[in-house]
Protein backbone atom coordinates (compact mmCIF):
# COMPACT_ATOMS: atom_id res chain seq x y z
CA UNK A 1 0.12 0.10 0.02
CA UNK A 2 0.64 3.47 -1.25
CA UNK A 3 1.65 6.06 1.75
CA UNK A 4 -1.14 8.02 0.33
CA UNK A 5 -4.97 6.63 -0.07
CA UNK A 6 -8.22 8.27 -1.24
CA UNK A 7 -11.85 7.01 -0.75
CA UNK A 8 -14.87 9.02 -2.43
CA UNK A 9 -18.05 8.55 -2.04
CA UNK A 10 -21.55 9.70 -3.07
CA UNK A 11 -23.00 10.97 0.01
CA UNK A 12 -26.56 12.03 -2.83
CA UNK A 13 -26.33 8.85 -3.96
CA UNK A 14 -25.24 6.50 -0.61
CA UNK A 15 -22.86 4.54 -2.77
CA UNK A 16 -18.77 4.40 -3.76
CA UNK A 17 -18.14 7.24 -6.84
CA UNK A 18 -15.89 5.72 -9.36
CA UNK A 19 -14.24 7.05 -11.50
CA UNK A 20 -13.36 10.09 -10.10
CA UNK A 21 -10.25 10.84 -11.59
CA UNK A 22 -7.23 12.06 -8.20
CA UNK A 23 -3.93 13.53 -8.85
CA UNK A 24 -1.81 13.77 -5.78
CA UNK A 25 0.41 16.91 -5.66
CA UNK A 26 3.86 18.33 -3.87
CA UNK A 27 4.47 21.99 -3.90
CA UNK A 28 7.64 23.28 -3.55
CA UNK A 29 9.13 26.68 -4.87
CA UNK A 30 8.45 26.89 -8.49
CA UNK A 31 4.90 25.73 -7.35
CA UNK A 32 2.52 22.35 -7.37
CA UNK A 33 4.37 19.67 -9.83
CA UNK A 34 2.80 16.15 -9.95
CA UNK A 35 3.53 12.96 -8.05
CA UNK A 36 1.21 10.81 -8.83
CA UNK A 37 -2.70 9.85 -10.21
CA UNK A 38 -5.58 7.34 -10.91
CA UNK A 39 -9.12 7.57 -10.56
CA UNK A 40 -11.52 5.66 -7.76
CA UNK A 41 -12.40 1.81 -8.31
CA UNK A 42 -15.68 0.34 -7.83
CA UNK A 43 -15.06 1.06 -4.45
CA UNK A 44 -14.26 4.24 -4.65
CA UNK A 45 -10.77 4.41 -3.32
CA UNK A 46 -7.56 4.92 -4.84
CA UNK A 47 -5.69 1.92 -2.69
CA UNK A 48 -2.08 2.85 -4.21
CA UNK A 49 -1.64 7.08 -5.23
CA UNK A 50 2.10 7.44 -5.90
CA UNK A 51 5.68 6.23 -4.43
CA UNK A 52 5.33 4.00 -0.99
CA UNK A 53 7.15 6.91 0.81
CA UNK A 54 6.94 10.89 0.32
CA UNK A 55 9.77 13.94 1.34
CA UNK A 56 7.74 16.18 3.48
CA UNK A 57 6.84 18.66 2.97
CA UNK A 58 2.68 20.25 1.58
CA UNK A 59 0.69 18.00 -0.57
CA UNK A 60 -2.83 18.18 -1.86
CA UNK A 61 -4.85 15.62 -3.63
CA UNK A 62 -6.92 17.36 -7.12
CA UNK A 63 -10.75 15.89 -6.76
CA UNK A 64 -11.59 15.99 -11.47
CA UNK A 65 -15.73 16.76 -9.64
CA UNK A 66 -17.00 18.17 -12.02
CA UNK A 67 -16.12 15.68 -14.73
CA UNK A 68 -17.56 13.25 -12.83
CA UNK A 69 -21.05 14.74 -11.85
CA UNK A 70 -21.33 15.71 -15.64
CA UNK A 71 -20.92 11.39 -15.68
CA UNK A 72 -23.50 11.10 -13.85
CA UNK A 73 -26.08 13.64 -15.40
CA UNK A 74 -25.97 16.24 -13.06
CA UNK A 75 -25.92 19.26 -12.43
CA UNK A 76 -22.70 20.59 -9.63
CA UNK A 77 -21.03 23.92 -8.20
CA UNK A 78 -17.27 22.40 -7.90
CA UNK A 79 -15.68 20.92 -10.87
CA UNK A 80 -13.02 20.04 -8.68
CA UNK A 81 -11.50 19.73 -5.06
CA UNK A 82 -8.41 19.72 -4.54
CA UNK A 83 -7.57 19.52 -0.17
CA UNK A 84 -3.82 20.59 0.40
CA UNK A 85 -2.02 18.65 3.82
CA UNK A 86 1.19 17.73 5.71
CA UNK A 87 3.74 15.20 5.26
CA UNK A 88 5.51 15.16 8.30
CA UNK A 89 6.94 11.58 8.94
CA UNK A 90 6.33 7.39 7.29
CA UNK A 91 3.17 7.65 8.66
CA UNK A 92 -0.48 7.08 6.41
CA UNK A 93 -2.45 8.57 4.90
CA UNK A 94 -5.96 8.45 4.36
CA UNK A 95 -7.70 11.17 3.42
CA UNK A 96 -11.32 10.56 1.93
CA UNK A 97 -13.97 12.77 0.22
CA UNK A 98 -17.80 12.38 0.72
CA UNK A 99 -19.38 13.88 -2.70
CA UNK A 100 -22.32 15.18 -3.38
CA UNK A 101 -23.53 18.33 -6.35
CA UNK A 102 -23.44 21.07 -4.04
CA UNK A 103 -21.27 20.58 -0.90
CA UNK A 104 -18.03 18.31 0.22
CA UNK A 105 -16.85 17.50 3.17
CA UNK A 106 -13.24 15.47 4.10
CA UNK A 107 -11.31 14.29 6.82
CA UNK A 108 -7.85 12.45 7.52
CA UNK A 109 -8.86 8.49 7.59
CA UNK A 110 -6.25 5.47 9.23
């Protein structure tokens, strides 16, 4: 398992959000650079996003929520969701996203 994983749930339907494109970026002196990318599976999860070890620093997950809602034929307010977080060690960072067309929430999972 990689150091960063995610899980996207469609709170409006109460189901996993399948096929959401997600990008993992790292913040550097010259701005953001992509570390890895993937798409959620049939359970709404990405179990391996990026390398097994990340350098300490600020990272973000960028979820392509607009594309997901367009594919499910629903209007949505947020074309993407960006969640920034701090990597400080070799811990596992699980960053779930609860999603609906007009709201979202996130937390540090386990």
